[in-house]
Amino acid sequence: LIGLFQLIAAIFPGTSRSGATILGGILIGLSRTTAAEFTFFLA
């Protein structure tokens, strides 16, 4: 699911890869710190 949010950022510049994945992570129930760390590792 986080990968699908990242896909949005990959298609539409300006979305922000970190913004999309953090936002997606929070939306599906991740804490902010966990969503941010997973975003870093995913990068």
PDB file of all heavy atoms in Angstrom:
ATOM      1  N   LEU A   1       0.837  -1.210   0.000  1.00  0.00           N
ATOM      2  CA  LEU A   1       0.000   0.000   0.000  1.00  0.00           C
ATOM      3  C   LEU A   1       0.867   1.254   0.000  1.00  0.00           C
ATOM      4  O   LEU A   1       0.592   2.222  -0.716  1.00  0.00           O
ATOM      5  CB  LEU A   1      -0.938  -0.007   1.211  1.00  0.00           C
ATOM      6  CG  LEU A   1      -2.107  -0.994   1.148  1.00  0.00           C
ATOM      7  CD1 LEU A   1      -2.854  -1.033   2.479  1.00  0.00           C
ATOM      8  CD2 LEU A   1      -3.059  -0.625   0.014  1.00  0.00           C
ATOM      9  N   ILE A   2       1.928   1.240   0.797  1.00  0.00           N
ATOM     10  CA  ILE A   2       2.854   2.376   0.800  1.00  0.00           C
ATOM     11  C   ILE A   2       3.514   2.507  -0.566  1.00  0.00           C
ATOM     12  O   ILE A   2       3.727   3.620  -1.069  1.00  0.00           O
ATOM     13  CB  ILE A   2       3.911   2.196   1.921  1.00  0.00           C
ATOM     14  CG1 ILE A   2       3.238   2.324   3.289  1.00  0.00           C
ATOM     15  CG2 ILE A   2       5.029   3.241   1.783  1.00  0.00           C
ATOM     16  CD1 ILE A   2       4.141   1.960   4.458  1.00  0.00           C
ATOM     17  N   GLY A   3       3.822   1.363  -1.187  1.00  0.00           N
ATOM     18  CA  GLY A   3       4.392   1.380  -2.534  1.00  0.00           C
ATOM     19  C   GLY A   3       3.461   2.019  -3.548  1.00  0.00           C
ATOM     20  O   GLY A   3       3.915   2.694  -4.477  1.00  0.00           O
ATOM     21  N   LEU A   4       2.148   1.834  -3.384  1.00  0.00           N
ATOM     22  CA  LEU A   4       1.190   2.469  -4.289  1.00  0.00           C
ATOM     23  C   LEU A   4       1.166   3.986  -4.090  1.00  0.00           C
ATOM     24  O   LEU A   4       1.031   4.735  -5.056  1.00  0.00           O
ATOM     25  CB  LEU A   4      -0.207   1.875  -4.071  1.00  0.00           C
ATOM     26  CG  LEU A   4      -0.379   0.417  -4.519  1.00  0.00           C
ATOM     27  CD1 LEU A   4      -1.764  -0.093  -4.148  1.00  0.00           C
ATOM     28  CD2 LEU A   4      -0.156   0.293  -6.024  1.00  0.00           C
ATOM     29  N   PHE A   5       1.304   4.429  -2.852  1.00  0.00           N
ATOM     30  CA  PHE A   5       1.408   5.872  -2.603  1.00  0.00           C
ATOM     31  C   PHE A   5       2.689   6.419  -3.223  1.00  0.00           C
ATOM     32  O   PHE A   5       2.701   7.524  -3.774  1.00  0.00           O
ATOM     33  CB  PHE A   5       1.382   6.158  -1.095  1.00  0.00           C
ATOM     34  CG  PHE A   5       0.000   6.214  -0.511  1.00  0.00           C
ATOM     35  CD1 PHE A   5      -0.570   5.085   0.044  1.00  0.00           C
ATOM     36  CD2 PHE A   5      -0.729   7.386  -0.532  1.00  0.00           C
ATOM     37  CE1 PHE A   5      -1.848   5.123   0.582  1.00  0.00           C
ATOM     38  CE2 PHE A   5      -2.009   7.444   0.001  1.00  0.00           C
ATOM     39  CZ  PHE A   5      -2.580   6.303   0.557  1.00  0.00           C
ATOM     40  N   GLN A   6       3.767   5.635  -3.141  1.00  0.00           N
ATOM     41  CA  GLN A   6       5.017   6.066  -3.764  1.00  0.00           C
ATOM     42  C   GLN A   6       4.865   6.160  -5.279  1.00  0.00           C
ATOM     43  O   GLN A   6       5.461   7.024  -5.924  1.00  0.00           O
ATOM     44  CB  GLN A   6       6.138   5.087  -3.422  1.00  0.00           C
ATOM     45  CG  GLN A   6       7.469   5.464  -4.037  1.00  0.00           C
ATOM     46  CD  GLN A   6       8.595   4.574  -3.580  1.00  0.00           C
ATOM     47  OE1 GLN A   6       9.503   5.022  -2.899  1.00  0.00           O
ATOM     48  NE2 GLN A   6       8.563   3.318  -3.950  1.00  0.00           N
ATOM     49  N   LEU A   7       4.064   5.277  -5.841  1.00  0.00           N
ATOM     50  CA  LEU A   7       3.819   5.293  -7.281  1.00  0.00           C
ATOM     51  C   LEU A   7       3.198   6.616  -7.717  1.00  0.00           C
ATOM     52  O   LEU A   7       3.523   7.148  -8.783  1.00  0.00           O
ATOM     53  CB  LEU A   7       2.909   4.127  -7.668  1.00  0.00           C
ATOM     54  CG  LEU A   7       2.499   4.037  -9.138  1.00  0.00           C
ATOM     55  CD1 LEU A   7       3.724   3.906 -10.035  1.00  0.00           C
ATOM     56  CD2 LEU A   7       1.561   2.853  -9.347  1.00  0.00           C
ATOM     57  N   ILE A   8       2.309   7.148  -6.896  1.00  0.00           N
ATOM     58  CA  ILE A   8       1.698   8.455  -7.208  1.00  0.00           C
ATOM     59  C   ILE A   8       2.786   9.507  -7.344  1.00  0.00           C
ATOM     60  O   ILE A   8       2.784  10.322  -8.273  1.00  0.00           O
ATOM     61  CB  ILE A   8       0.690   8.862  -6.115  1.00  0.00           C
ATOM     62  CG1 ILE A   8      -0.459   7.852  -6.048  1.00  0.00           C
ATOM     63  CG2 ILE A   8       0.152  10.273  -6.378  1.00  0.00           C
ATOM     64  CD1 ILE A   8      -1.403   8.070  -4.878  1.00  0.00           C
ATOM     65  N   ALA A   9       3.744   9.484  -6.403  1.00  0.00           N
ATOM     66  CA  ALA A   9       4.846  10.442  -6.441  1.00  0.00           C
ATOM     67  C   ALA A   9       5.752  10.209  -7.639  1.00  0.00           C
ATOM     68  O   ALA A   9       6.300  11.162  -8.210  1.00  0.00           O
ATOM     69  CB  ALA A   9       5.658  10.367  -5.149  1.00  0.00           C
ATOM     70  N   ALA A  10       5.912   8.935  -8.042  1.00  0.00           N
ATOM     71  CA  ALA A  10       6.765   8.619  -9.190  1.00  0.00           C
ATOM     72  C   ALA A  10       6.166   9.150 -10.487  1.00  0.00           C
ATOM     73  O   ALA A  10       6.886   9.530 -11.409  1.00  0.00           O
ATOM     74  CB  ALA A  10       6.968   7.112  -9.285  1.00  0.00           C
ATOM     75  N   ILE A  11       4.841   9.188 -10.557  1.00  0.00           N
ATOM     76  CA  ILE A  11       4.161   9.644 -11.771  1.00  0.00           C
ATOM     77  C   ILE A  11       4.024  11.155 -11.806  1.00  0.00           C
ATOM     78  O   ILE A  11       4.271  11.794 -12.839  1.00  0.00           O
ATOM     79  CB  ILE A  11       2.771   8.979 -11.896  1.00  0.00           C
ATOM     80  CG1 ILE A  11       2.927   7.470 -12.071  1.00  0.00           C
ATOM     81  CG2 ILE A  11       1.987   9.562 -13.068  1.00  0.00           C
ATOM     82  CD1 ILE A  11       1.620   6.706 -12.043  1.00  0.00           C
ATOM     83  N   PHE A  12       3.645  11.734 -10.672  1.00  0.00           N
ATOM     84  CA  PHE A  12       3.341  13.166 -10.643  1.00  0.00           C
ATOM     85  C   PHE A  12       4.401  13.932  -9.848  1.00  0.00           C
ATOM     86  O   PHE A  12       4.362  13.947  -8.617  1.00  0.00           O
ATOM     87  CB  PHE A  12       1.958  13.406 -10.033  1.00  0.00           C
ATOM     88  CG  PHE A  12       0.842  12.726 -10.778  1.00  0.00           C
ATOM     89  CD1 PHE A  12       0.224  11.608 -10.249  1.00  0.00           C
ATOM     90  CD2 PHE A  12       0.430  13.203 -12.006  1.00  0.00           C
ATOM     91  CE1 PHE A  12      -0.795  10.974 -10.932  1.00  0.00           C
ATOM     92  CE2 PHE A  12      -0.598  12.587 -12.704  1.00  0.00           C
ATOM     93  CZ  PHE A  12      -1.204  11.463 -12.167  1.00  0.00           C
ATOM     94  N   PRO A  13       5.369  14.559 -10.529  1.00  0.00           N
ATOM     95  CA  PRO A  13       6.385  15.357  -9.825  1.00  0.00           C
ATOM     96  C   PRO A  13       5.730  16.489  -9.042  1.00  0.00           C
ATOM     97  O   PRO A  13       4.749  17.075  -9.482  1.00  0.00           O
ATOM     98  CB  PRO A  13       7.259  15.891 -10.962  1.00  0.00           C
ATOM     99  CG  PRO A  13       6.415  15.795 -12.190  1.00  0.00           C
ATOM    100  CD  PRO A  13       5.515  14.628 -11.993  1.00  0.00           C
ATOM    101  N   GLY A  14       6.280  16.754  -7.876  1.00  0.00           N
ATOM    102  CA  GLY A  14       5.686  17.762  -7.002  1.00  0.00           C
ATOM    103  C   GLY A  14       4.915  17.130  -5.873  1.00  0.00           C
ATOM    104  O   GLY A  14       4.624  17.767  -4.862  1.00  0.00           O
ATOM    105  N   THR A  15       4.581  15.833  -6.034  1.00  0.00           N
ATOM    106  CA  THR A  15       3.874  15.118  -4.974  1.00  0.00           C
ATOM    107  C   THR A  15       4.770  14.963  -3.751  1.00  0.00           C
ATOM    108  O   THR A  15       4.326  15.097  -2.619  1.00  0.00           O
ATOM    109  CB  THR A  15       3.425  13.730  -5.470  1.00  0.00           C
ATOM    110  OG1 THR A  15       2.555  13.900  -6.588  1.00  0.00           O
ATOM    111  CG2 THR A  15       2.699  12.969  -4.379  1.00  0.00           C
ATOM    112  N   SER A  16       6.039  14.668  -3.977  1.00  0.00           N
ATOM    113  CA  SER A  16       7.042  14.381  -2.957  1.00  0.00           C
ATOM    114  C   SER A  16       6.984  12.915  -2.588  1.00  0.00           C
ATOM    115  O   SER A  16       5.983  12.431  -2.028  1.00  0.00           O
ATOM    116  CB  SER A  16       6.862  15.230  -1.695  1.00  0.00           C
ATOM    117  OG  SER A  16       7.690  14.752  -0.642  1.00  0.00           O
ATOM    118  N   ARG A  17       8.059  12.195  -2.903  1.00  0.00           N
ATOM    119  CA  ARG A  17       8.121  10.771  -2.574  1.00  0.00           C
ATOM    120  C   ARG A  17       7.979  10.558  -1.077  1.00  0.00           C
ATOM    121  O   ARG A  17       7.192   9.723  -0.624  1.00  0.00           O
ATOM    122  CB  ARG A  17       9.440  10.181  -3.080  1.00  0.00           C
ATOM    123  CG  ARG A  17       9.512   8.657  -3.029  1.00  0.00           C
ATOM    124  CD  ARG A  17      10.954   8.192  -3.103  1.00  0.00           C
ATOM    125  NE  ARG A  17      11.719   8.714  -1.979  1.00  0.00           N
ATOM    126  CZ  ARG A  17      11.702   8.174  -0.772  1.00  0.00           C
ATOM    127  NH1 ARG A  17      10.976   7.115  -0.523  1.00  0.00           N
ATOM    128  NH2 ARG A  17      12.409   8.702   0.205  1.00  0.00           N
ATOM    129  N   SER A  18       8.744  11.325  -0.291  1.00  0.00           N
ATOM    130  CA  SER A  18       8.657  11.163   1.160  1.00  0.00           C
ATOM    131  C   SER A  18       7.287  11.594   1.668  1.00  0.00           C
ATOM    132  O   SER A  18       6.712  10.961   2.560  1.00  0.00           O
ATOM    133  CB  SER A  18       9.764  11.964   1.856  1.00  0.00           C
ATOM    134  OG  SER A  18       9.630  13.352   1.601  1.00  0.00           O
ATOM    135  N   GLY A  19       6.732  12.656   1.068  1.00  0.00           N
ATOM    136  CA  GLY A  19       5.409  13.125   1.487  1.00  0.00           C
ATOM    137  C   GLY A  19       4.340  12.085   1.229  1.00  0.00           C
ATOM    138  O   GLY A  19       3.490  11.811   2.078  1.00  0.00           O
ATOM    139  N   ALA A  20       4.369  11.473   0.036  1.00  0.00           N
ATOM    140  CA  ALA A  20       3.352  10.485  -0.334  1.00  0.00           C
ATOM    141  C   ALA A  20       3.439   9.240   0.537  1.00  0.00           C
ATOM    142  O   ALA A  20       2.422   8.722   1.005  1.00  0.00           O
ATOM    143  CB  ALA A  20       3.497  10.114  -1.805  1.00  0.00           C
ATOM    144  N   THR A  21       4.659   8.743   0.766  1.00  0.00           N
ATOM    145  CA  THR A  21       4.798   7.508   1.534  1.00  0.00           C
ATOM    146  C   THR A  21       4.526   7.725   3.020  1.00  0.00           C
ATOM    147  O   THR A  21       3.925   6.867   3.674  1.00  0.00           O
ATOM    148  CB  THR A  21       6.207   6.906   1.336  1.00  0.00           C
ATOM    149  OG1 THR A  21       7.199   7.900   1.607  1.00  0.00           O
ATOM    150  CG2 THR A  21       6.387   6.393  -0.083  1.00  0.00           C
ATOM    151  N   ILE A  22       4.938   8.871   3.559  1.00  0.00           N
ATOM    152  CA  ILE A  22       4.637   9.169   4.963  1.00  0.00           C
ATOM    153  C   ILE A  22       3.128   9.332   5.147  1.00  0.00           C
ATOM    154  O   ILE A  22       2.534   8.798   6.080  1.00  0.00           O
ATOM    155  CB  ILE A  22       5.392  10.426   5.438  1.00  0.00           C
ATOM    156  CG1 ILE A  22       6.891  10.139   5.552  1.00  0.00           C
ATOM    157  CG2 ILE A  22       4.853  10.905   6.783  1.00  0.00           C
ATOM    158  CD1 ILE A  22       7.731  11.366   5.847  1.00  0.00           C
ATOM    159  N   LEU A  23       2.514  10.085   4.238  1.00  0.00           N
ATOM    160  CA  LEU A  23       1.076  10.303   4.296  1.00  0.00           C
ATOM    161  C   LEU A  23       0.329   8.980   4.179  1.00  0.00           C
ATOM    162  O   LEU A  23      -0.608   8.701   4.943  1.00  0.00           O
ATOM    163  CB  LEU A  23       0.651  11.236   3.162  1.00  0.00           C
ATOM    164  CG  LEU A  23      -0.654  12.014   3.324  1.00  0.00           C
ATOM    165  CD1 LEU A  23      -0.585  12.960   4.497  1.00  0.00           C
ATOM    166  CD2 LEU A  23      -0.960  12.791   2.049  1.00  0.00           C
ATOM    167  N   GLY A  24       0.749   8.145   3.222  1.00  0.00           N
ATOM    168  CA  GLY A  24       0.126   6.839   3.058  1.00  0.00           C
ATOM    169  C   GLY A  24       0.305   5.966   4.282  1.00  0.00           C
ATOM    170  O   GLY A  24      -0.627   5.273   4.716  1.00  0.00           O
ATOM    171  N   GLY A  25       1.509   6.003   4.857  1.00  0.00           N
ATOM    172  CA  GLY A  25       1.770   5.213   6.055  1.00  0.00           C
ATOM    173  C   GLY A  25       0.889   5.626   7.218  1.00  0.00           C
ATOM    174  O   GLY A  25       0.321   4.781   7.921  1.00  0.00           O
ATOM    175  N   ILE A  26       0.764   6.926   7.436  1.00  0.00           N
ATOM    176  CA  ILE A  26      -0.091   7.423   8.518  1.00  0.00           C
ATOM    177  C   ILE A  26      -1.538   7.008   8.287  1.00  0.00           C
ATOM    178  O   ILE A  26      -2.248   6.593   9.208  1.00  0.00           O
ATOM    179  CB  ILE A  26       0.020   8.962   8.618  1.00  0.00           C
ATOM    180  CG1 ILE A  26       1.418   9.366   9.122  1.00  0.00           C
ATOM    181  CG2 ILE A  26      -1.047   9.520   9.552  1.00  0.00           C
ATOM    182  CD1 ILE A  26       1.665  10.864   9.086  1.00  0.00           C
ATOM    183  N   LEU A  27      -1.970   7.090   7.039  1.00  0.00           N
ATOM    184  CA  LEU A  27      -3.365   6.791   6.696  1.00  0.00           C
ATOM    185  C   LEU A  27      -3.717   5.324   6.968  1.00  0.00           C
ATOM    186  O   LEU A  27      -4.846   5.024   7.369  1.00  0.00           O
ATOM    187  CB  LEU A  27      -3.610   7.117   5.220  1.00  0.00           C
ATOM    188  CG  LEU A  27      -5.065   7.279   4.766  1.00  0.00           C
ATOM    189  CD1 LEU A  27      -5.777   8.340   5.589  1.00  0.00           C
ATOM    190  CD2 LEU A  27      -5.109   7.637   3.287  1.00  0.00           C
ATOM    191  N   ILE A  28      -2.763   4.407   6.772  1.00  0.00           N
ATOM    192  CA  ILE A  28      -3.053   2.992   6.997  1.00  0.00           C
ATOM    193  C   ILE A  28      -2.705   2.535   8.411  1.00  0.00           C
ATOM    194  O   ILE A  28      -2.787   1.343   8.714  1.00  0.00           O
ATOM    195  CB  ILE A  28      -2.331   2.092   5.971  1.00  0.00           C
ATOM    196  CG1 ILE A  28      -0.807   2.184   6.127  1.00  0.00           C
ATOM    197  CG2 ILE A  28      -2.755   2.436   4.552  1.00  0.00           C
ATOM    198  CD1 ILE A  28      -0.039   1.215   5.228  1.00  0.00           C
ATOM    199  N   GLY A  29      -2.308   3.480   9.279  1.00  0.00           N
ATOM    200  CA  GLY A  29      -2.150   3.142  10.687  1.00  0.00           C
ATOM    201  C   GLY A  29      -0.754   3.143  11.245  1.00  0.00           C
ATOM    202  O   GLY A  29      -0.542   2.743  12.392  1.00  0.00           O
ATOM    203  N   LEU A  30       0.242   3.602  10.473  1.00  0.00           N
ATOM    204  CA  LEU A  30       1.601   3.687  10.997  1.00  0.00           C
ATOM    205  C   LEU A  30       1.759   4.953  11.827  1.00  0.00           C
ATOM    206  O   LEU A  30       1.135   5.980  11.533  1.00  0.00           O
ATOM    207  CB  LEU A  30       2.631   3.702   9.864  1.00  0.00           C
ATOM    208  CG  LEU A  30       3.124   2.369   9.298  1.00  0.00           C
ATOM    209  CD1 LEU A  30       1.989   1.613   8.628  1.00  0.00           C
ATOM    210  CD2 LEU A  30       4.254   2.608   8.308  1.00  0.00           C
ATOM    211  N   SER A  31       2.588   4.886  12.851  1.00  0.00           N
ATOM    212  CA  SER A  31       2.939   6.101  13.584  1.00  0.00           C
ATOM    213  C   SER A  31       3.796   6.987  12.697  1.00  0.00           C
ATOM    214  O   SER A  31       4.381   6.521  11.710  1.00  0.00           O
ATOM    215  CB  SER A  31       3.712   5.757  14.858  1.00  0.00           C
ATOM    216  OG  SER A  31       4.990   5.220  14.543  1.00  0.00           O
ATOM    217  N   ARG A  32       3.877   8.268  13.018  1.00  0.00           N
ATOM    218  CA  ARG A  32       4.667   9.192  12.196  1.00  0.00           C
ATOM    219  C   ARG A  32       6.130   8.755  12.112  1.00  0.00           C
ATOM    220  O   ARG A  32       6.732   8.793  11.043  1.00  0.00           O
ATOM    221  CB  ARG A  32       4.580  10.611  12.761  1.00  0.00           C
ATOM    222  CG  ARG A  32       3.229  11.265  12.604  1.00  0.00           C
ATOM    223  CD  ARG A  32       3.306  12.747  12.942  1.00  0.00           C
ATOM    224  NE  ARG A  32       1.978  13.317  13.025  1.00  0.00           N
ATOM    225  CZ  ARG A  32       1.263  13.392  14.149  1.00  0.00           C
ATOM    226  NH1 ARG A  32       1.790  12.941  15.273  1.00  0.00           N
ATOM    227  NH2 ARG A  32       0.060  13.918  14.152  1.00  0.00           N
ATOM    228  N   THR A  33       6.713   8.382  13.244  1.00  0.00           N
ATOM    229  CA  THR A  33       8.131   8.011  13.236  1.00  0.00           C
ATOM    230  C   THR A  33       8.362   6.738  12.418  1.00  0.00           C
ATOM    231  O   THR A  33       9.348   6.638  11.680  1.00  0.00           O
ATOM    232  CB  THR A  33       8.662   7.805  14.668  1.00  0.00           C
ATOM    233  OG1 THR A  33       7.816   6.878  15.362  1.00  0.00           O
ATOM    234  CG2 THR A  33       8.689   9.117  15.429  1.00  0.00           C
ATOM    235  N   THR A  34       7.455   5.770  12.537  1.00  0.00           N
ATOM    236  CA  THR A  34       7.602   4.528  11.776  1.00  0.00           C
ATOM    237  C   THR A  34       7.441   4.789  10.282  1.00  0.00           C
ATOM    238  O   THR A  34       8.201   4.259   9.458  1.00  0.00           O
ATOM    239  CB  THR A  34       6.567   3.481  12.233  1.00  0.00           C
ATOM    240  OG1 THR A  34       6.708   3.275  13.640  1.00  0.00           O
ATOM    241  CG2 THR A  34       6.763   2.157  11.513  1.00  0.00           C
ATOM    242  N   ALA A  35       6.453   5.620   9.920  1.00  0.00           N
ATOM    243  CA  ALA A  35       6.242   5.964   8.508  1.00  0.00           C
ATOM    244  C   ALA A  35       7.455   6.686   7.947  1.00  0.00           C
ATOM    245  O   ALA A  35       7.877   6.422   6.809  1.00  0.00           O
ATOM    246  CB  ALA A  35       4.989   6.835   8.359  1.00  0.00           C
ATOM    247  N   ALA A  36       8.039   7.596   8.729  1.00  0.00           N
ATOM    248  CA  ALA A  36       9.216   8.340   8.267  1.00  0.00           C
ATOM    249  C   ALA A  36      10.416   7.415   8.104  1.00  0.00           C
ATOM    250  O   ALA A  36      11.137   7.480   7.098  1.00  0.00           O
ATOM    251  CB  ALA A  36       9.537   9.465   9.242  1.00  0.00           C
ATOM    252  N   GLU A  37      10.645   6.535   9.063  1.00  0.00           N
ATOM    253  CA  GLU A  37      11.797   5.625   8.976  1.00  0.00           C
ATOM    254  C   GLU A  37      11.654   4.674   7.784  1.00  0.00           C
ATOM    255  O   GLU A  37      12.621   4.434   7.057  1.00  0.00           O
ATOM    256  CB  GLU A  37      11.922   4.832  10.276  1.00  0.00           C
ATOM    257  CG  GLU A  37      12.458   5.664  11.437  1.00  0.00           C
ATOM    258  CD  GLU A  37      12.565   4.864  12.723  1.00  0.00           C
ATOM    259  OE1 GLU A  37      11.989   3.745  12.775  1.00  0.00           O
ATOM    260  OE2 GLU A  37      13.210   5.346  13.661  1.00  0.00           O
ATOM    261  N   PHE A  38      10.452   4.136   7.583  1.00  0.00           N
ATOM    262  CA  PHE A  38      10.261   3.236   6.450  1.00  0.00           C
ATOM    263  C   PHE A  38      10.478   3.985   5.134  1.00  0.00           C
ATOM    264  O   PHE A  38      11.022   3.437   4.172  1.00  0.00           O
ATOM    265  CB  PHE A  38       8.861   2.628   6.484  1.00  0.00           C
ATOM    266  CG  PHE A  38       8.671   1.489   5.514  1.00  0.00           C
ATOM    267  CD1 PHE A  38       9.263   0.257   5.752  1.00  0.00           C
ATOM    268  CD2 PHE A  38       7.924   1.648   4.364  1.00  0.00           C
ATOM    269  CE1 PHE A  38       9.106  -0.808   4.857  1.00  0.00           C
ATOM    270  CE2 PHE A  38       7.757   0.598   3.462  1.00  0.00           C
ATOM    271  CZ  PHE A  38       8.348  -0.627   3.716  1.00  0.00           C
ATOM    272  N   THR A  39      10.082   5.247   5.105  1.00  0.00           N
ATOM    273  CA  THR A  39      10.317   6.089   3.930  1.00  0.00           C
ATOM    274  C   THR A  39      11.808   6.254   3.668  1.00  0.00           C
ATOM    275  O   THR A  39      12.257   6.191   2.518  1.00  0.00           O
ATOM    276  CB  THR A  39       9.662   7.474   4.129  1.00  0.00           C
ATOM    277  OG1 THR A  39       8.245   7.321   4.100  1.00  0.00           O
ATOM    278  CG2 THR A  39      10.074   8.449   3.033  1.00  0.00           C
ATOM    279  N   PHE A  40      12.593   6.470   4.726  1.00  0.00           N
ATOM    280  CA  PHE A  40      14.040   6.599   4.565  1.00  0.00           C
ATOM    281  C   PHE A  40      14.626   5.313   3.983  1.00  0.00           C
ATOM    282  O   PHE A  40      15.438   5.360   3.051  1.00  0.00           O
ATOM    283  CB  PHE A  40      14.713   6.884   5.913  1.00  0.00           C
ATOM    284  CG  PHE A  40      14.307   8.180   6.551  1.00  0.00           C
ATOM    285  CD1 PHE A  40      14.433   8.356   7.917  1.00  0.00           C
ATOM    286  CD2 PHE A  40      13.792   9.226   5.800  1.00  0.00           C
ATOM    287  CE1 PHE A  40      14.080   9.550   8.524  1.00  0.00           C
ATOM    288  CE2 PHE A  40      13.425  10.424   6.396  1.00  0.00           C
ATOM    289  CZ  PHE A  40      13.563  10.583   7.766  1.00  0.00           C
ATOM    290  N   PHE A  41      14.224   4.168   4.535  1.00  0.00           N
ATOM    291  CA  PHE A  41      14.766   2.891   4.076  1.00  0.00           C
ATOM    292  C   PHE A  41      14.326   2.607   2.638  1.00  0.00           C
ATOM    293  O   PHE A  41      15.100   2.084   1.832  1.00  0.00           O
ATOM    294  CB  PHE A  41      14.312   1.757   4.992  1.00  0.00           C
ATOM    295  CG  PHE A  41      14.729   1.929   6.429  1.00  0.00           C
ATOM    296  CD1 PHE A  41      14.125   1.190   7.441  1.00  0.00           C
ATOM    297  CD2 PHE A  41      15.721   2.828   6.796  1.00  0.00           C
ATOM    298  CE1 PHE A  41      14.514   1.348   8.766  1.00  0.00           C
ATOM    299  CE2 PHE A  41      16.112   2.996   8.116  1.00  0.00           C
ATOM    300  CZ  PHE A  41      15.505   2.248   9.108  1.00  0.00           C
ATOM    301  N   LEU A  42      13.086   2.954   2.332  1.00  0.00           N
ATOM    302  CA  LEU A  42      12.552   2.752   0.986  1.00  0.00           C
ATOM    303  C   LEU A  42      13.305   3.589  -0.037  1.00  0.00           C
ATOM    304  O   LEU A  42      13.427   3.209  -1.208  1.00  0.00           O
ATOM    305  CB  LEU A  42      11.065   3.119   0.991  1.00  0.00           C
ATOM    306  CG  LEU A  42      10.223   2.869  -0.255  1.00  0.00           C
ATOM    307  CD1 LEU A  42      10.295   1.417  -0.675  1.00  0.00           C
ATOM    308  CD2 LEU A  42       8.780   3.288   0.006  1.00  0.00           C
ATOM    309  N   ALA A  43      13.834   4.725   0.393  1.00  0.00           N
ATOM    310  CA  ALA A  43      14.549   5.620  -0.521  1.00  0.00           C
ATOM    311  C   ALA A  43      15.831   4.994  -1.058  1.00  0.00           C
ATOM    312  O   ALA A  43      16.257   5.319  -2.174  1.00  0.00           O
ATOM    313  CB  ALA A  43      14.892   6.930   0.188  1.00  0.00           C
TER     314      ALA A  43
END
